[in-house]
């Protein structure tokens, strides 16, 4: 295969990958849940965003509150949350 054909094939592959990733990001952006609408009930880690600057982090629901670590300090100012994403699968 010539370099030109290889470069075009690689470019096509990269464009398809970017499109797939952009679609996945759009899906994830629509999964934020306002704490005013629903508080997380699971005792598993969740992704959170806080009121103070829109920081994103990990929180742990516990008895209607969100903690910074299991049995840790209370997170104040959490505005939205979503379940943790599924772990990455190893690519072949």
C-alpha atoms as a PDB file:
ATOM      1  CA  UNK A   1       0.000   0.000   0.000  1.00  0.00           C
ATOM      2  CA  UNK A   2       1.357   3.391  -0.919  1.00  0.00           C
ATOM      3  CA  UNK A   3       1.796   6.085   1.714  1.00  0.00           C
ATOM      4  CA  UNK A   4      -0.990   8.186   0.143  1.00  0.00           C
ATOM      5  CA  UNK A   5      -3.507   5.342   0.340  1.00  0.00           C
ATOM      6  CA  UNK A   6      -2.396   4.565   3.875  1.00  0.00           C
ATOM      7  CA  UNK A   7      -2.758   8.214   4.912  1.00  0.00           C
ATOM      8  CA  UNK A   8      -6.262   8.470   3.411  1.00  0.00           C
ATOM      9  CA  UNK A   9      -7.343   5.221   5.090  1.00  0.00           C
ATOM     10  CA  UNK A  10      -5.928   6.404   8.414  1.00  0.00           C
ATOM     11  CA  UNK A  11      -7.646   9.790   8.038  1.00  0.00           C
ATOM     12  CA  UNK A  12     -10.983   8.085   7.336  1.00  0.00           C
ATOM     13  CA  UNK A  13     -10.528   5.888  10.399  1.00  0.00           C
ATOM     14  CA  UNK A  14      -9.723   8.904  12.588  1.00  0.00           C
ATOM     15  CA  UNK A  15     -12.786  10.833  11.338  1.00  0.00           C
ATOM     16  CA  UNK A  16     -15.041   7.847  12.077  1.00  0.00           C
ATOM     17  CA  UNK A  17     -13.535   7.517  15.565  1.00  0.00           C
ATOM     18  CA  UNK A  18     -14.075  11.212  16.279  1.00  0.00           C
ATOM     19  CA  UNK A  19     -17.678  11.006  15.100  1.00  0.00           C
ATOM     20  CA  UNK A  20     -18.315   8.018  17.349  1.00  0.00           C
ATOM     21  CA  UNK A  21     -16.707   9.756  20.323  1.00  0.00           C
ATOM     22  CA  UNK A  22     -18.682  12.953  19.676  1.00  0.00           C
ATOM     23  CA  UNK A  23     -21.931  10.968  19.636  1.00  0.00           C
ATOM     24  CA  UNK A  24     -20.973   9.250  22.904  1.00  0.00           C
ATOM     25  CA  UNK A  25     -20.127  12.578  24.551  1.00  0.00           C
ATOM     26  CA  UNK A  26     -23.502  13.979  23.480  1.00  0.00           C
ATOM     27  CA  UNK A  27     -25.214  10.962  25.073  1.00  0.00           C
ATOM     28  CA  UNK A  28     -23.309  11.442  28.324  1.00  0.00           C
ATOM     29  CA  UNK A  29     -24.002  15.173  28.481  1.00  0.00           C
ATOM     30  CA  UNK A  30     -27.724  14.454  28.533  1.00  0.00           C
ATOM     31  CA  UNK A  31     -27.518  12.133  31.548  1.00  0.00           C
ATOM     32  CA  UNK A  32     -27.068  14.787  34.264  1.00  0.00           C
ATOM     33  CA  UNK A  33     -29.827  14.667  36.880  1.00  0.00           C
ATOM     34  CA  UNK A  34     -30.625  17.701  39.013  1.00  0.00           C
ATOM     35  CA  UNK A  35     -30.562  17.025  42.766  1.00  0.00           C
ATOM     36  CA  UNK A  36     -33.778  19.072  42.871  1.00  0.00           C
ATOM     37  CA  UNK A  37     -35.446  16.436  40.658  1.00  0.00           C
ATOM     38  CA  UNK A  38     -33.949  13.302  42.197  1.00  0.00           C
ATOM     39  CA  UNK A  39     -31.328  12.387  44.765  1.00  0.00           C
ATOM     40  CA  UNK A  40     -29.214   9.310  44.090  1.00  0.00           C
ATOM     41  CA  UNK A  41     -30.272   6.327  46.148  1.00  0.00           C
ATOM     42  CA  UNK A  42     -27.564   3.790  45.359  1.00  0.00           C
ATOM     43  CA  UNK A  43     -24.683   3.309  47.765  1.00  0.00           C
ATOM     44  CA  UNK A  44     -22.210   3.373  44.876  1.00  0.00           C
ATOM     45  CA  UNK A  45     -19.963   6.134  43.583  1.00  0.00           C
ATOM     46  CA  UNK A  46     -21.552   8.702  41.292  1.00  0.00           C
ATOM     47  CA  UNK A  47     -20.246  11.528  39.141  1.00  0.00           C
ATOM     48  CA  UNK A  48     -21.215  14.943  40.521  1.00  0.00           C
ATOM     49  CA  UNK A  49     -21.010  18.593  39.562  1.00  0.00           C
ATOM     50  CA  UNK A  50     -21.046  21.313  42.198  1.00  0.00           C
ATOM     51  CA  UNK A  51     -22.490  24.791  42.338  1.00  0.00           C
ATOM     52  CA  UNK A  52     -19.114  26.387  43.063  1.00  0.00           C
ATOM     53  CA  UNK A  53     -17.617  26.688  39.592  1.00  0.00           C
ATOM     54  CA  UNK A  54     -19.125  23.592  37.984  1.00  0.00           C
ATOM     55  CA  UNK A  55     -16.403  21.260  39.219  1.00  0.00           C
ATOM     56  CA  UNK A  56     -16.877  17.613  38.322  1.00  0.00           C
ATOM     57  CA  UNK A  57     -15.884  14.895  40.751  1.00  0.00           C
ATOM     58  CA  UNK A  58     -16.876  11.662  42.425  1.00  0.00           C
ATOM     59  CA  UNK A  59     -19.378  11.558  45.248  1.00  0.00           C
ATOM     60  CA  UNK A  60     -20.919   8.854  47.389  1.00  0.00           C
ATOM     61  CA  UNK A  61     -24.647   8.926  48.239  1.00  0.00           C
ATOM     62  CA  UNK A  62     -25.411   8.212  51.880  1.00  0.00           C
ATOM     63  CA  UNK A  63     -28.758   8.690  53.655  1.00  0.00           C
ATOM     64  CA  UNK A  64     -30.001  11.371  51.264  1.00  0.00           C
ATOM     65  CA  UNK A  65     -26.728  13.303  51.210  1.00  0.00           C
ATOM     66  CA  UNK A  66     -23.620  13.171  49.024  1.00  0.00           C
ATOM     67  CA  UNK A  67     -20.234  12.585  50.641  1.00  0.00           C
ATOM     68  CA  UNK A  68     -16.718  13.144  49.295  1.00  0.00           C
ATOM     69  CA  UNK A  69     -15.738   9.562  50.136  1.00  0.00           C
ATOM     70  CA  UNK A  70     -17.555   6.621  51.694  1.00  0.00           C
ATOM     71  CA  UNK A  71     -18.473   7.729  55.223  1.00  0.00           C
ATOM     72  CA  UNK A  72     -16.538  10.970  54.599  1.00  0.00           C
ATOM     73  CA  UNK A  73     -17.339  14.675  54.683  1.00  0.00           C
ATOM     74  CA  UNK A  74     -20.525  16.145  53.255  1.00  0.00           C
ATOM     75  CA  UNK A  75     -20.322  17.742  49.803  1.00  0.00           C
ATOM     76  CA  UNK A  76     -22.095  21.102  49.890  1.00  0.00           C
ATOM     77  CA  UNK A  77     -23.375  22.715  46.717  1.00  0.00           C
ATOM     78  CA  UNK A  78     -23.885  19.602  44.569  1.00  0.00           C
ATOM     79  CA  UNK A  79     -26.353  20.531  41.828  1.00  0.00           C
ATOM     80  CA  UNK A  80     -26.309  17.535  39.451  1.00  0.00           C
ATOM     81  CA  UNK A  81     -25.265  13.917  39.406  1.00  0.00           C
ATOM     82  CA  UNK A  82     -25.198  10.857  37.164  1.00  0.00           C
ATOM     83  CA  UNK A  83     -24.273   7.200  37.561  1.00  0.00           C
ATOM     84  CA  UNK A  84     -20.650   6.277  37.038  1.00  0.00           C
ATOM     85  CA  UNK A  85     -20.019   5.150  33.463  1.00  0.00           C
ATOM     86  CA  UNK A  86     -19.371   1.494  32.772  1.00  0.00           C
ATOM     87  CA  UNK A  87     -15.702   0.507  32.982  1.00  0.00           C
ATOM     88  CA  UNK A  88     -13.741   0.542  29.751  1.00  0.00           C
ATOM     89  CA  UNK A  89     -13.526  -2.744  27.930  1.00  0.00           C
ATOM     90  CA  UNK A  90     -10.139  -3.817  26.676  1.00  0.00           C
ATOM     91  CA  UNK A  91      -9.882  -3.325  22.952  1.00  0.00           C
ATOM     92  CA  UNK A  92      -8.595  -6.145  20.856  1.00  0.00           C
END
